[in-house]
Amino acid sequence: MKIMHCPLNGPRNISEFIHGGDVRQMPDPNHCSDSDWADYVFYHNNAIEVVQEWWLHAPSGYWFIAERHTDSDEILRTYDPAEIFRQRIEFAAQQQTTKESVV
């Protein structure tokens, strides 16, 4: 049985976790091109290296970051996202205009 250490809940069975993808710098969704956004969402390096990944402990709903080696699949470290993210990102709501039909 594979065990992952959750920073909030301690060592848990890997079946309790959901992989959330690589931790990467997000482009500004209001000013980037469709191509840049597609690269961010769909493509990643896939090299043999140590990567930072988002993981969710599903029973508690707790998101955290794990450093994992892609060749050995060894989880080297897990930690709270507050260690690297200091400010919250706010997204501006896009206003949609609608045509009102005149009867």
Protein backbone atom coordinates (compact mmCIF):
# COMPACT_ATOMS: atom_id res chain seq x y z
CA MET A 1 0.00 0.00 0.00
CA LYS A 2 1.36 3.41 -0.97
CA ILE A 3 1.21 6.09 1.71
CA MET A 4 1.25 9.86 1.17
CA HIS A 5 1.80 12.34 3.96
CA CYS A 6 -0.95 14.96 4.04
CA PRO A 7 0.27 18.16 5.73
CA LEU A 8 -3.11 18.50 7.48
CA ASN A 9 -4.09 14.89 8.21
CA GLY A 10 -0.79 12.99 8.38
CA PRO A 11 0.05 9.71 6.59
CA ARG A 12 -2.89 8.40 4.55
CA ASN A 13 -3.53 5.72 1.92
CA ILE A 14 -2.86 7.08 -1.59
CA SER A 15 -6.43 6.14 -2.58
CA GLU A 16 -7.65 9.12 -0.52
CA PHE A 17 -5.91 11.63 -2.82
CA ILE A 18 -6.69 13.16 -6.21
CA HIS A 19 -3.95 14.54 -8.45
CA GLY A 20 -4.58 18.16 -9.48
CA GLY A 21 -1.79 18.80 -12.00
CA ASP A 22 1.49 20.65 -12.03
CA VAL A 23 2.10 23.80 -10.01
CA ARG A 24 2.89 26.34 -12.73
CA GLN A 25 2.68 30.07 -13.27
CA MET A 26 -0.75 30.82 -14.70
CA PRO A 27 -0.94 33.33 -17.55
CA ASP A 28 -3.26 36.28 -17.06
CA PRO A 29 -6.56 34.88 -18.39
CA ASN A 30 -7.79 38.38 -19.27
CA HIS A 31 -4.80 39.25 -21.46
CA CYS A 32 -3.24 36.04 -22.82
CA SER A 33 -3.83 34.51 -26.23
CA ASP A 34 -5.92 31.38 -26.75
CA SER A 35 -2.71 29.56 -27.66
CA ASP A 36 -1.01 30.59 -24.39
CA TRP A 37 -4.05 29.48 -22.39
CA ALA A 38 -4.20 26.13 -24.23
CA ASP A 39 -0.49 25.57 -23.52
CA TYR A 40 -1.11 26.22 -19.82
CA VAL A 41 -4.16 23.95 -19.58
CA PHE A 42 -3.22 21.03 -21.82
CA TYR A 43 0.56 20.75 -22.16
CA HIS A 44 3.38 20.02 -19.76
CA ASN A 45 7.06 19.09 -19.91
CA ASN A 46 6.79 15.35 -19.05
CA ALA A 47 10.54 15.14 -18.36
CA ILE A 48 12.18 12.93 -15.75
CA GLU A 49 12.64 15.36 -12.88
CA VAL A 50 11.31 16.48 -9.51
CA VAL A 51 7.99 18.27 -10.04
CA GLN A 52 5.65 20.26 -7.82
CA GLU A 53 2.06 19.07 -8.07
CA TRP A 54 -1.31 19.96 -6.61
CA TRP A 55 -2.95 17.17 -4.61
CA LEU A 56 -6.34 17.04 -2.91
CA HIS A 57 -7.05 14.98 0.19
CA ALA A 58 -10.61 14.12 -0.87
CA PRO A 59 -12.13 13.23 2.54
CA SER A 60 -11.12 16.57 4.07
CA GLY A 61 -11.17 18.75 0.92
CA TYR A 62 -7.64 19.97 1.68
CA TRP A 63 -5.43 21.05 -1.24
CA PHE A 64 -1.65 20.91 -0.82
CA ILE A 65 1.56 20.67 -2.84
CA ALA A 66 3.74 17.58 -3.23
CA GLU A 67 7.21 17.34 -4.69
CA ARG A 68 7.45 14.07 -6.61
CA HIS A 69 10.17 12.46 -8.74
CA THR A 70 8.59 11.47 -12.06
CA ASP A 71 10.91 8.50 -12.66
CA SER A 72 10.71 6.74 -9.31
CA ASP A 73 7.26 8.16 -8.39
CA GLU A 74 8.71 8.85 -4.93
CA ILE A 75 7.00 11.63 -3.01
CA LEU A 76 9.85 13.67 -1.56
CA ARG A 77 7.94 16.34 0.34
CA THR A 78 4.42 17.65 0.94
CA TYR A 79 3.51 21.10 2.25
CA ASP A 80 0.80 23.72 2.58
CA PRO A 81 0.47 26.06 -0.44
CA ALA A 82 0.86 29.07 1.87
CA GLU A 83 4.60 28.33 1.89
CA ILE A 84 4.91 29.64 -1.68
CA PHE A 85 1.66 31.51 -2.39
CA ARG A 86 1.41 34.68 -0.34
CA GLN A 87 -1.48 36.49 -2.01
CA ARG A 88 -4.84 35.51 -3.38
CA ILE A 89 -5.56 35.98 -7.08
CA GLU A 90 -8.87 37.63 -7.84
CA PHE A 91 -10.49 37.10 -11.22
CA ALA A 92 -12.58 39.87 -12.71
CA ALA A 93 -16.06 38.77 -13.68
CA GLN A 94 -16.61 39.24 -17.37
CA GLN A 95 -19.71 41.18 -18.23
CA GLN A 96 -21.80 39.69 -20.99
CA THR A 97 -24.03 41.87 -23.08
CA THR A 98 -27.29 40.48 -24.33
CA LYS A 99 -29.62 41.81 -26.96
CA GLU A 100 -33.11 42.37 -25.79
CA SER A 101 -35.65 41.69 -28.48
CA VAL A 102 -38.30 44.30 -29.05
CA VAL A 103 -41.80 42.93 -29.48
